[in-house]
């Protein structure tokens, strides 16, 4: 998994809930400045983590259903899933270190 995957409501269960690895889901929009700031961080995590983690992205303008399902009120919002369950979340810009720490907690080396 070398790059983030774009998902929607139809692909969410397969890509996130059924994922064998911890997954961070980035809820974002093209007009969101902070979303643009965090995108390179998530790209780097996807490239560097190999198959240990998955990075998925949901465009809230294209798929408001998932935004409503998880009660996303502000973006960027990062939701951390593992074992089919929501385990943690961050709203707003976060550092690579913070995101990696949360992922590492879900799947220790």
PDB file of N, CA and C in Angstrom:
ATOM      1  N   UNK A   1       0.853  -1.173   0.000  1.00  0.00           N
ATOM      2  CA  UNK A   1       0.000   0.000   0.000  1.00  0.00           C
ATOM      3  C   UNK A   1       0.891   1.225   0.000  1.00  0.00           C
ATOM      4  N   UNK A   2       1.199   1.704  -1.187  1.00  0.00           N
ATOM      5  CA  UNK A   2       2.172   2.780  -1.294  1.00  0.00           C
ATOM      6  C   UNK A   2       1.572   4.163  -1.396  1.00  0.00           C
ATOM      7  N   UNK A   3       0.272   4.245  -1.550  1.00  0.00           N
ATOM      8  CA  UNK A   3      -0.358   5.554  -1.629  1.00  0.00           C
ATOM      9  C   UNK A   3      -1.745   5.474  -1.020  1.00  0.00           C
ATOM     10  N   UNK A   4      -2.286   6.618  -0.607  1.00  0.00           N
ATOM     11  CA  UNK A   4      -3.634   6.606  -0.049  1.00  0.00           C
ATOM     12  C   UNK A   4      -4.644   6.112  -1.084  1.00  0.00           C
ATOM     13  N   UNK A   5      -5.694   5.461  -0.595  1.00  0.00           N
ATOM     14  CA  UNK A   5      -6.754   5.013  -1.493  1.00  0.00           C
ATOM     15  C   UNK A   5      -7.968   5.908  -1.294  1.00  0.00           C
ATOM     16  N   UNK A   6      -8.633   6.230  -2.382  1.00  0.00           N
ATOM     17  CA  UNK A   6      -9.863   7.009  -2.309  1.00  0.00           C
ATOM     18  C   UNK A   6     -11.019   6.044  -2.116  1.00  0.00           C
ATOM     19  N   UNK A   7     -11.820   6.309  -1.101  1.00  0.00           N
ATOM     20  CA  UNK A   7     -12.948   5.430  -0.827  1.00  0.00           C
ATOM     21  C   UNK A   7     -14.234   6.240  -0.764  1.00  0.00           C
ATOM     22  N   UNK A   8     -15.340   5.521  -0.818  1.00  0.00           N
ATOM     23  CA  UNK A   8     -16.653   6.133  -0.686  1.00  0.00           C
ATOM     24  C   UNK A   8     -17.515   5.213   0.168  1.00  0.00           C
ATOM     25  N   UNK A   9     -18.780   5.543   0.279  1.00  0.00           N
ATOM     26  CA  UNK A   9     -19.659   4.752   1.133  1.00  0.00           C
ATOM     27  C   UNK A   9     -19.741   3.304   0.664  1.00  0.00           C
ATOM     28  N   UNK A  10     -19.725   3.098  -0.647  1.00  0.00           N
ATOM     29  CA  UNK A  10     -19.830   1.746  -1.197  1.00  0.00           C
ATOM     30  C   UNK A  10     -18.593   0.899  -0.901  1.00  0.00           C
ATOM     31  N   UNK A  11     -17.421   1.513  -0.884  1.00  0.00           N
ATOM     32  CA  UNK A  11     -16.184   0.749  -0.684  1.00  0.00           C
ATOM     33  C   UNK A  11     -15.678   0.779   0.759  1.00  0.00           C
ATOM     34  N   UNK A  12     -16.346   1.519   1.624  1.00  0.00           N
ATOM     35  CA  UNK A  12     -15.866   1.717   2.990  1.00  0.00           C
ATOM     36  C   UNK A  12     -15.712   0.407   3.758  1.00  0.00           C
ATOM     37  N   UNK A  13     -16.721  -0.432   3.720  1.00  0.00           N
ATOM     38  CA  UNK A  13     -16.659  -1.666   4.514  1.00  0.00           C
ATOM     39  C   UNK A  13     -15.486  -2.540   4.101  1.00  0.00           C
ATOM     40  N   UNK A  14     -15.330  -2.738   2.798  1.00  0.00           N
ATOM     41  CA  UNK A  14     -14.239  -3.594   2.319  1.00  0.00           C
ATOM     42  C   UNK A  14     -12.875  -2.969   2.616  1.00  0.00           C
ATOM     43  N   UNK A  15     -12.739  -1.671   2.355  1.00  0.00           N
ATOM     44  CA  UNK A  15     -11.438  -1.007   2.473  1.00  0.00           C
ATOM     45  C   UNK A  15     -11.034  -0.709   3.911  1.00  0.00           C
ATOM     46  N   UNK A  16     -12.013  -0.475   4.787  1.00  0.00           N
ATOM     47  CA  UNK A  16     -11.690  -0.028   6.143  1.00  0.00           C
ATOM     48  C   UNK A  16     -12.116  -1.047   7.200  1.00  0.00           C
ATOM     49  N   UNK A  17     -13.384  -1.357   7.243  1.00  0.00           N
ATOM     50  CA  UNK A  17     -13.900  -2.256   8.284  1.00  0.00           C
ATOM     51  C   UNK A  17     -13.273  -3.641   8.174  1.00  0.00           C
ATOM     52  N   UNK A  18     -13.131  -4.143   6.959  1.00  0.00           N
ATOM     53  CA  UNK A  18     -12.564  -5.480   6.757  1.00  0.00           C
ATOM     54  C   UNK A  18     -11.050  -5.476   6.556  1.00  0.00           C
ATOM     55  N   UNK A  19     -10.417  -4.342   6.721  1.00  0.00           N
ATOM     56  CA  UNK A  19      -8.970  -4.255   6.523  1.00  0.00           C
ATOM     57  C   UNK A  19      -8.234  -5.065   7.590  1.00  0.00           C
ATOM     58  N   UNK A  20      -7.240  -5.847   7.172  1.00  0.00           N
ATOM     59  CA  UNK A  20      -6.460  -6.611   8.145  1.00  0.00           C
ATOM     60  C   UNK A  20      -5.436  -5.752   8.898  1.00  0.00           C
ATOM     61  N   UNK A  21      -5.253  -4.520   8.462  1.00  0.00           N
ATOM     62  CA  UNK A  21      -4.263  -3.632   9.083  1.00  0.00           C
ATOM     63  C   UNK A  21      -4.948  -2.363   9.593  1.00  0.00           C
ATOM     64  N   UNK A  22      -4.356  -1.685  10.570  1.00  0.00           N
ATOM     65  CA  UNK A  22      -4.913  -0.413  11.027  1.00  0.00           C
ATOM     66  C   UNK A  22      -5.023   0.570   9.859  1.00  0.00           C
ATOM     67  N   UNK A  23      -6.118   1.315   9.862  1.00  0.00           N
ATOM     68  CA  UNK A  23      -6.397   2.238   8.766  1.00  0.00           C
ATOM     69  C   UNK A  23      -6.742   3.608   9.324  1.00  0.00           C
ATOM     70  N   UNK A  24      -6.121   4.636   8.751  1.00  0.00           N
ATOM     71  CA  UNK A  24      -6.510   6.003   9.069  1.00  0.00           C
ATOM     72  C   UNK A  24      -7.311   6.515   7.877  1.00  0.00           C
ATOM     73  N   UNK A  25      -8.486   7.066   8.162  1.00  0.00           N
ATOM     74  CA  UNK A  25      -9.354   7.608   7.123  1.00  0.00           C
ATOM     75  C   UNK A  25      -9.348   9.124   7.255  1.00  0.00           C
ATOM     76  N   UNK A  26      -8.956   9.784   6.179  1.00  0.00           N
ATOM     77  CA  UNK A  26      -8.877  11.241   6.120  1.00  0.00           C
ATOM     78  C   UNK A  26     -10.139  11.772   5.459  1.00  0.00           C
ATOM     79  N   UNK A  27     -10.961  12.506   6.213  1.00  0.00           N
ATOM     80  CA  UNK A  27     -12.125  13.187   5.654  1.00  0.00           C
ATOM     81  C   UNK A  27     -11.656  14.582   5.262  1.00  0.00           C
ATOM     82  N   UNK A  28     -11.815  14.928   3.983  1.00  0.00           N
ATOM     83  CA  UNK A  28     -11.229  16.145   3.448  1.00  0.00           C
ATOM     84  C   UNK A  28     -12.140  16.744   2.378  1.00  0.00           C
ATOM     85  N   UNK A  29     -11.777  17.943   1.890  1.00  0.00           N
ATOM     86  CA  UNK A  29     -12.443  18.595   0.759  1.00  0.00           C
ATOM     87  C   UNK A  29     -11.405  19.426   0.009  1.00  0.00           C
ATOM     88  N   UNK A  30     -11.635  19.599  -1.282  1.00  0.00           N
ATOM     89  CA  UNK A  30     -10.685  20.320  -2.134  1.00  0.00           C
ATOM     90  C   UNK A  30     -10.515  21.780  -1.712  1.00  0.00           C
ATOM     91  N   UNK A  31     -11.552  22.388  -1.158  1.00  0.00           N
ATOM     92  CA  UNK A  31     -11.510  23.796  -0.776  1.00  0.00           C
ATOM     93  C   UNK A  31     -10.892  24.027   0.602  1.00  0.00           C
ATOM     94  N   UNK A  32     -10.539  22.973   1.309  1.00  0.00           N
ATOM     95  CA  UNK A  32     -10.076  23.046   2.701  1.00  0.00           C
ATOM     96  C   UNK A  32      -8.556  23.237   2.759  1.00  0.00           C
ATOM     97  N   UNK A  33      -8.108  24.411   3.185  1.00  0.00           N
ATOM     98  CA  UNK A  33      -6.680  24.697   3.288  1.00  0.00           C
ATOM     99  C   UNK A  33      -5.926  23.740   4.204  1.00  0.00           C
ATOM    100  N   UNK A  34      -6.408  23.524   5.435  1.00  0.00           N
ATOM    101  CA  UNK A  34      -5.719  22.578   6.316  1.00  0.00           C
ATOM    102  C   UNK A  34      -5.668  21.155   5.747  1.00  0.00           C
ATOM    103  N   UNK A  35      -6.670  20.778   4.962  1.00  0.00           N
ATOM    104  CA  UNK A  35      -6.661  19.448   4.327  1.00  0.00           C
ATOM    105  C   UNK A  35      -5.491  19.342   3.354  1.00  0.00           C
ATOM    106  N   UNK A  36      -5.234  20.435   2.641  1.00  0.00           N
ATOM    107  CA  UNK A  36      -4.109  20.449   1.701  1.00  0.00           C
ATOM    108  C   UNK A  36      -2.777  20.374   2.449  1.00  0.00           C
ATOM    109  N   UNK A  37      -2.740  20.928   3.651  1.00  0.00           N
ATOM    110  CA  UNK A  37      -1.509  20.900   4.446  1.00  0.00           C
ATOM    111  C   UNK A  37      -1.191  19.490   4.940  1.00  0.00           C
ATOM    112  N   UNK A  38      -2.217  18.725   5.281  1.00  0.00           N
ATOM    113  CA  UNK A  38      -1.987  17.399   5.852  1.00  0.00           C
ATOM    114  C   UNK A  38      -1.824  16.320   4.779  1.00  0.00           C
ATOM    115  N   UNK A  39      -2.250  16.600   3.555  1.00  0.00           N
ATOM    116  CA  UNK A  39      -2.183  15.594   2.483  1.00  0.00           C
ATOM    117  C   UNK A  39      -0.771  15.039   2.270  1.00  0.00           C
ATOM    118  N   UNK A  40       0.283  15.874   2.192  1.00  0.00           N
ATOM    119  CA  UNK A  40       1.628  15.315   1.999  1.00  0.00           C
ATOM    120  C   UNK A  40       2.086  14.437   3.168  1.00  0.00           C
ATOM    121  N   UNK A  41       1.631  14.751   4.367  1.00  0.00           N
ATOM    122  CA  UNK A  41       1.973  13.941   5.543  1.00  0.00           C
ATOM    123  C   UNK A  41       1.369  12.546   5.393  1.00  0.00           C
ATOM    124  N   UNK A  42       0.103  12.495   4.985  1.00  0.00           N
ATOM    125  CA  UNK A  42      -0.565  11.201   4.812  1.00  0.00           C
ATOM    126  C   UNK A  42       0.033  10.427   3.644  1.00  0.00           C
ATOM    127  N   UNK A  43       0.414  11.136   2.583  1.00  0.00           N
ATOM    128  CA  UNK A  43       1.084  10.473   1.455  1.00  0.00           C
ATOM    129  C   UNK A  43       2.381   9.817   1.925  1.00  0.00           C
ATOM    130  N   UNK A  44       3.152  10.531   2.739  1.00  0.00           N
ATOM    131  CA  UNK A  44       4.422   9.998   3.242  1.00  0.00           C
ATOM    132  C   UNK A  44       4.187   8.784   4.137  1.00  0.00           C
ATOM    133  N   UNK A  45       3.176   8.845   4.983  1.00  0.00           N
ATOM    134  CA  UNK A  45       2.867   7.706   5.854  1.00  0.00           C
ATOM    135  C   UNK A  45       2.502   6.492   5.013  1.00  0.00           C
ATOM    136  N   UNK A  46       1.693   6.698   3.987  1.00  0.00           N
ATOM    137  CA  UNK A  46       1.296   5.579   3.122  1.00  0.00           C
ATOM    138  C   UNK A  46       2.515   4.963   2.442  1.00  0.00           C
ATOM    139  N   UNK A  47       3.407   5.806   1.942  1.00  0.00           N
ATOM    140  CA  UNK A  47       4.600   5.304   1.241  1.00  0.00           C
ATOM    141  C   UNK A  47       5.554   4.577   2.181  1.00  0.00           C
ATOM    142  N   UNK A  48       5.750   5.140   3.360  1.00  0.00           N
ATOM    143  CA  UNK A  48       6.753   4.613   4.287  1.00  0.00           C
ATOM    144  C   UNK A  48       6.284   3.404   5.086  1.00  0.00           C
ATOM    145  N   UNK A  49       4.986   3.234   5.234  1.00  0.00           N
ATOM    146  CA  UNK A  49       4.502   2.172   6.123  1.00  0.00           C
ATOM    147  C   UNK A  49       4.339   0.827   5.441  1.00  0.00           C
ATOM    148  N   UNK A  50       4.517   0.784   4.119  1.00  0.00           N
ATOM    149  CA  UNK A  50       4.389  -0.489   3.417  1.00  0.00           C
ATOM    150  C   UNK A  50       3.023  -1.099   3.638  1.00  0.00           C
ATOM    151  N   UNK A  51       2.991  -2.330   4.121  1.00  0.00           N
ATOM    152  CA  UNK A  51       1.722  -3.020   4.350  1.00  0.00           C
ATOM    153  C   UNK A  51       1.293  -3.011   5.811  1.00  0.00           C
ATOM    154  N   UNK A  52       1.970  -2.243   6.658  1.00  0.00           N
ATOM    155  CA  UNK A  52       1.606  -2.217   8.086  1.00  0.00           C
ATOM    156  C   UNK A  52       0.344  -1.418   8.352  1.00  0.00           C
ATOM    157  N   UNK A  53       0.137  -0.356   7.553  1.00  0.00           N
ATOM    158  CA  UNK A  53      -1.008   0.521   7.747  1.00  0.00           C
ATOM    159  C   UNK A  53      -1.632   0.842   6.399  1.00  0.00           C
ATOM    160  N   UNK A  54      -2.875   1.292   6.440  1.00  0.00           N
ATOM    161  CA  UNK A  54      -3.558   1.749   5.235  1.00  0.00           C
ATOM    162  C   UNK A  54      -4.006   3.189   5.476  1.00  0.00           C
ATOM    163  N   UNK A  55      -3.870   4.007   4.444  1.00  0.00           N
ATOM    164  CA  UNK A  55      -4.360   5.382   4.474  1.00  0.00           C
ATOM    165  C   UNK A  55      -5.469   5.485   3.437  1.00  0.00           C
ATOM    166  N   UNK A  56      -6.644   5.912   3.887  1.00  0.00           N
ATOM    167  CA  UNK A  56      -7.794   6.059   2.994  1.00  0.00           C
ATOM    168  C   UNK A  56      -8.291   7.495   3.075  1.00  0.00           C
ATOM    169  N   UNK A  57      -8.901   7.955   1.983  1.00  0.00           N
ATOM    170  CA  UNK A  57      -9.378   9.330   1.915  1.00  0.00           C
ATOM    171  C   UNK A  57     -10.834   9.353   1.476  1.00  0.00           C
ATOM    172  N   UNK A  58     -11.620  10.211   2.132  1.00  0.00           N
ATOM    173  CA  UNK A  58     -13.026  10.408   1.784  1.00  0.00           C
ATOM    174  C   UNK A  58     -13.232  11.890   1.502  1.00  0.00           C
ATOM    175  N   UNK A  59     -13.633  12.212   0.280  1.00  0.00           N
ATOM    176  CA  UNK A  59     -13.970  13.586  -0.074  1.00  0.00           C
ATOM    177  C   UNK A  59     -15.392  13.846   0.423  1.00  0.00           C
ATOM    178  N   UNK A  60     -15.536  14.722   1.411  1.00  0.00           N
ATOM    179  CA  UNK A  60     -16.842  14.938   2.032  1.00  0.00           C
ATOM    180  C   UNK A  60     -17.840  15.597   1.087  1.00  0.00           C
ATOM    181  N   UNK A  61     -17.356  16.312   0.084  1.00  0.00           N
ATOM    182  CA  UNK A  61     -18.268  16.906  -0.891  1.00  0.00           C
ATOM    183  C   UNK A  61     -18.844  15.849  -1.821  1.00  0.00           C
ATOM    184  N   UNK A  62     -18.042  14.842  -2.142  1.00  0.00           N
ATOM    185  CA  UNK A  62     -18.493  13.771  -3.032  1.00  0.00           C
ATOM    186  C   UNK A  62     -19.282  12.701  -2.294  1.00  0.00           C
ATOM    187  N   UNK A  63     -19.037  12.534  -1.005  1.00  0.00           N
ATOM    188  CA  UNK A  63     -19.671  11.451  -0.251  1.00  0.00           C
ATOM    189  C   UNK A  63     -20.080  11.916   1.149  1.00  0.00           C
ATOM    190  N   UNK A  64     -21.153  12.708   1.230  1.00  0.00           N
ATOM    191  CA  UNK A  64     -21.572  13.218   2.538  1.00  0.00           C
ATOM    192  C   UNK A  64     -22.138  12.137   3.466  1.00  0.00           C
ATOM    193  N   UNK A  65     -22.483  10.974   2.924  1.00  0.00           N
ATOM    194  CA  UNK A  65     -23.048   9.903   3.749  1.00  0.00           C
ATOM    195  C   UNK A  65     -22.103   9.448   4.846  1.00  0.00           C
ATOM    196  N   UNK A  66     -20.833   9.250   4.498  1.00  0.00           N
ATOM    197  CA  UNK A  66     -19.855   8.831   5.509  1.00  0.00           C
ATOM    198  C   UNK A  66     -19.586   9.953   6.506  1.00  0.00           C
ATOM    199  N   UNK A  67     -19.605  11.171   6.022  1.00  0.00           N
ATOM    200  CA  UNK A  67     -19.422  12.318   6.913  1.00  0.00           C
ATOM    201  C   UNK A  67     -20.533  12.335   7.962  1.00  0.00           C
ATOM    202  N   UNK A  68     -21.758  12.099   7.530  1.00  0.00           N
ATOM    203  CA  UNK A  68     -22.887  12.072   8.462  1.00  0.00           C
ATOM    204  C   UNK A  68     -22.813  10.858   9.381  1.00  0.00           C
ATOM    205  N   UNK A  69     -22.462   9.717   8.823  1.00  0.00           N
ATOM    206  CA  UNK A  69     -22.386   8.474   9.608  1.00  0.00           C
ATOM    207  C   UNK A  69     -21.451   8.614  10.806  1.00  0.00           C
ATOM    208  N   UNK A  70     -20.336   9.300  10.604  1.00  0.00           N
ATOM    209  CA  UNK A  70     -19.351   9.445  11.675  1.00  0.00           C
ATOM    210  C   UNK A  70     -19.399  10.819  12.345  1.00  0.00           C
ATOM    211  N   UNK A  71     -20.459  11.572  12.043  1.00  0.00           N
ATOM    212  CA  UNK A  71     -20.698  12.852  12.698  1.00  0.00           C
ATOM    213  C   UNK A  71     -19.501  13.799  12.577  1.00  0.00           C
ATOM    214  N   UNK A  72     -18.946  13.874  11.377  1.00  0.00           N
ATOM    215  CA  UNK A  72     -17.802  14.749  11.106  1.00  0.00           C
ATOM    216  C   UNK A  72     -18.309  16.181  10.989  1.00  0.00           C
ATOM    217  N   UNK A  73     -17.845  17.040  11.884  1.00  0.00           N
ATOM    218  CA  UNK A  73     -18.281  18.436  11.895  1.00  0.00           C
ATOM    219  C   UNK A  73     -17.205  19.391  11.388  1.00  0.00           C
ATOM    220  N   UNK A  74     -15.954  18.961  11.436  1.00  0.00           N
ATOM    221  CA  UNK A  74     -14.848  19.789  10.972  1.00  0.00           C
ATOM    222  C   UNK A  74     -13.851  18.936  10.219  1.00  0.00           C
ATOM    223  N   UNK A  75     -13.192  19.544   9.233  1.00  0.00           N
ATOM    224  CA  UNK A  75     -12.182  18.815   8.465  1.00  0.00           C
ATOM    225  C   UNK A  75     -10.889  19.628   8.452  1.00  0.00           C
ATOM    226  N   UNK A  76      -9.757  18.970   8.302  1.00  0.00           N
ATOM    227  CA  UNK A  76      -9.620  17.529   8.140  1.00  0.00           C
ATOM    228  C   UNK A  76      -9.973  16.791   9.432  1.00  0.00           C
ATOM    229  N   UNK A  77     -10.522  15.615   9.250  1.00  0.00           N
ATOM    230  CA  UNK A  77     -10.798  14.725  10.377  1.00  0.00           C
ATOM    231  C   UNK A  77     -10.150  13.390  10.055  1.00  0.00           C
ATOM    232  N   UNK A  78      -9.360  12.891  10.976  1.00  0.00           N
ATOM    233  CA  UNK A  78      -8.682  11.608  10.803  1.00  0.00           C
ATOM    234  C   UNK A  78      -9.305  10.609  11.763  1.00  0.00           C
ATOM    235  N   UNK A  79      -9.864   9.538  11.213  1.00  0.00           N
ATOM    236  CA  UNK A  79     -10.457   8.483  12.020  1.00  0.00           C
ATOM    237  C   UNK A  79      -9.585   7.245  11.908  1.00  0.00           C
ATOM    238  N   UNK A  80      -9.292   6.634  13.037  1.00  0.00           N
ATOM    239  CA  UNK A  80      -8.397   5.479  13.099  1.00  0.00           C
ATOM    240  C   UNK A  80      -9.213   4.224  13.384  1.00  0.00           C
ATOM    241  N   UNK A  81      -9.122   3.254  12.475  1.00  0.00           N
ATOM    242  CA  UNK A  81      -9.873   2.009  12.591  1.00  0.00           C
ATOM    243  C   UNK A  81      -8.924   0.823  12.692  1.00  0.00           C
ATOM    244  N   UNK A  82      -9.360  -0.178  13.441  1.00  0.00           N
ATOM    245  CA  UNK A  82      -8.654  -1.458  13.475  1.00  0.00           C
ATOM    246  C   UNK A  82      -9.619  -2.506  14.021  1.00  0.00           C
ATOM    247  N   UNK A  83      -9.549  -3.695  13.459  1.00  0.00           N
ATOM    248  CA  UNK A  83     -10.429  -4.762  13.905  1.00  0.00           C
ATOM    249  C   UNK A  83     -11.893  -4.459  13.666  1.00  0.00           C
ATOM    250  N   UNK A  84     -12.172  -3.669  12.629  1.00  0.00           N
ATOM    251  CA  UNK A  84     -13.548  -3.349  12.286  1.00  0.00           C
ATOM    252  C   UNK A  84     -14.190  -2.274  13.136  1.00  0.00           C
ATOM    253  N   UNK A  85     -13.410  -1.620  14.006  1.00  0.00           N
ATOM    254  CA  UNK A  85     -13.978  -0.622  14.904  1.00  0.00           C
ATOM    255  C   UNK A  85     -13.211   0.692  14.858  1.00  0.00           C
ATOM    256  N   UNK A  86     -13.953   1.774  15.079  1.00  0.00           N
ATOM    257  CA  UNK A  86     -13.339   3.090  15.239  1.00  0.00           C
ATOM    258  C   UNK A  86     -12.623   3.103  16.583  1.00  0.00           C
ATOM    259  N   UNK A  87     -11.322   3.403  16.563  1.00  0.00           N
ATOM    260  CA  UNK A  87     -10.516   3.360  17.790  1.00  0.00           C
ATOM    261  C   UNK A  87     -10.102   4.735  18.304  1.00  0.00           C
ATOM    262  N   UNK A  88      -9.993   5.714  17.388  1.00  0.00           N
ATOM    263  CA  UNK A  88      -9.515   7.031  17.806  1.00  0.00           C
ATOM    264  C   UNK A  88      -9.807   8.022  16.692  1.00  0.00           C
ATOM    265  N   UNK A  89      -9.664   9.301  16.983  1.00  0.00           N
ATOM    266  CA  UNK A  89      -9.816  10.304  15.934  1.00  0.00           C
ATOM    267  C   UNK A  89      -9.119  11.600  16.316  1.00  0.00           C
ATOM    268  N   UNK A  90      -8.803  12.368  15.272  1.00  0.00           N
ATOM    269  CA  UNK A  90      -8.189  13.685  15.413  1.00  0.00           C
ATOM    270  C   UNK A  90      -8.939  14.610  14.466  1.00  0.00           C
ATOM    271  N   UNK A  91      -9.304  15.795  14.946  1.00  0.00           N
ATOM    272  CA  UNK A  91      -9.883  16.805  14.069  1.00  0.00           C
ATOM    273  C   UNK A  91      -8.873  17.933  13.950  1.00  0.00           C
ATOM    274  N   UNK A  92      -8.597  18.333  12.704  1.00  0.00           N
ATOM    275  CA  UNK A  92      -7.621  19.384  12.458  1.00  0.00           C
ATOM    276  C   UNK A  92      -6.298  18.803  11.996  1.00  0.00           C
ATOM    277  N   UNK A  93      -5.358  19.682  11.756  1.00  0.00           N
ATOM    278  CA  UNK A  93      -4.046  19.269  11.269  1.00  0.00           C
ATOM    279  C   UNK A  93      -3.274  18.600  12.405  1.00  0.00           C
ATOM    280  N   UNK A  94      -2.618  17.499  12.071  1.00  0.00           N
ATOM    281  CA  UNK A  94      -1.794  16.778  13.049  1.00  0.00           C
ATOM    282  C   UNK A  94      -0.433  16.499  12.426  1.00  0.00           C
ATOM    283  N   UNK A  95       0.557  16.365  13.269  1.00  0.00           N
ATOM    284  CA  UNK A  95       1.905  16.076  12.778  1.00  0.00           C
ATOM    285  C   UNK A  95       2.017  14.614  12.367  1.00  0.00           C
ATOM    286  N   UNK A  96       3.016  14.346  11.560  1.00  0.00           N
ATOM    287  CA  UNK A  96       3.298  12.969  11.159  1.00  0.00           C
ATOM    288  C   UNK A  96       3.556  12.116  12.395  1.00  0.00           C
ATOM    289  N   UNK A  97       4.291  12.659  13.338  1.00  0.00           N
ATOM    290  CA  UNK A  97       4.613  11.924  14.563  1.00  0.00           C
ATOM    291  C   UNK A  97       3.345  11.528  15.313  1.00  0.00           C
ATOM    292  N   UNK A  98       2.415  12.447  15.460  1.00  0.00           N
ATOM    293  CA  UNK A  98       1.165  12.174  16.175  1.00  0.00           C
ATOM    294  C   UNK A  98       0.356  11.091  15.475  1.00  0.00           C
ATOM    295  N   UNK A  99       0.245  11.184  14.159  1.00  0.00           N
ATOM    296  CA  UNK A  99      -0.518  10.191  13.393  1.00  0.00           C
ATOM    297  C   UNK A  99       0.143   8.825  13.501  1.00  0.00           C
ATOM    298  N   UNK A 100       1.457   8.794  13.352  1.00  0.00           N
ATOM    299  CA  UNK A 100       2.176   7.518  13.441  1.00  0.00           C
ATOM    300  C   UNK A 100       2.050   6.901  14.833  1.00  0.00           C
ATOM    301  N   UNK A 101       2.090   7.718  15.865  1.00  0.00           N
ATOM    302  CA  UNK A 101       1.945   7.191  17.227  1.00  0.00           C
ATOM    303  C   UNK A 101       0.593   6.510  17.402  1.00  0.00           C
ATOM    304  N   UNK A 102      -0.445   7.125  16.859  1.00  0.00           N
ATOM    305  CA  UNK A 102      -1.779   6.519  16.971  1.00  0.00           C
ATOM    306  C   UNK A 102      -1.849   5.210  16.198  1.00  0.00           C
ATOM    307  N   UNK A 103      -1.270   5.177  15.003  1.00  0.00           N
ATOM    308  CA  UNK A 103      -1.263   3.935  14.221  1.00  0.00           C
ATOM    309  C   UNK A 103      -0.439   2.858  14.916  1.00  0.00           C
ATOM    310  N   UNK A 104       0.710   3.241  15.466  1.00  0.00           N
ATOM    311  CA  UNK A 104       1.574   2.277  16.158  1.00  0.00           C
ATOM    312  C   UNK A 104       0.878   1.676  17.376  1.00  0.00           C
ATOM    313  N   UNK A 105       0.059   2.473  18.049  1.00  0.00           N
ATOM    314  CA  UNK A 105      -0.685   1.955  19.201  1.00  0.00           C
ATOM    315  C   UNK A 105      -1.651   0.851  18.782  1.00  0.00           C
ATOM    316  N   UNK A 106      -2.156   0.952  17.560  1.00  0.00           N
ATOM    317  CA  UNK A 106      -3.108  -0.050  17.069  1.00  0.00           C
ATOM    318  C   UNK A 106      -2.416  -1.308  16.575  1.00  0.00           C
ATOM    319  N   UNK A 107      -1.174  -1.185  16.138  1.00  0.00           N
ATOM    320  CA  UNK A 107      -0.435  -2.341  15.607  1.00  0.00           C
ATOM    321  C   UNK A 107       1.023  -2.245  16.010  1.00  0.00           C
ATOM    322  N   UNK A 108       1.337  -2.563  17.248  1.00  0.00           N
ATOM    323  CA  UNK A 108       2.730  -2.488  17.671  1.00  0.00           C
ATOM    324  C   UNK A 108       3.625  -3.385  16.821  1.00  0.00           C
ATOM    325  N   UNK A 109       4.840  -2.944  16.617  1.00  0.00           N
ATOM    326  CA  UNK A 109       5.786  -3.701  15.775  1.00  0.00           C
ATOM    327  C   UNK A 109       6.126  -5.044  16.377  1.00  0.00           C
TER     328      UNK A 109
END
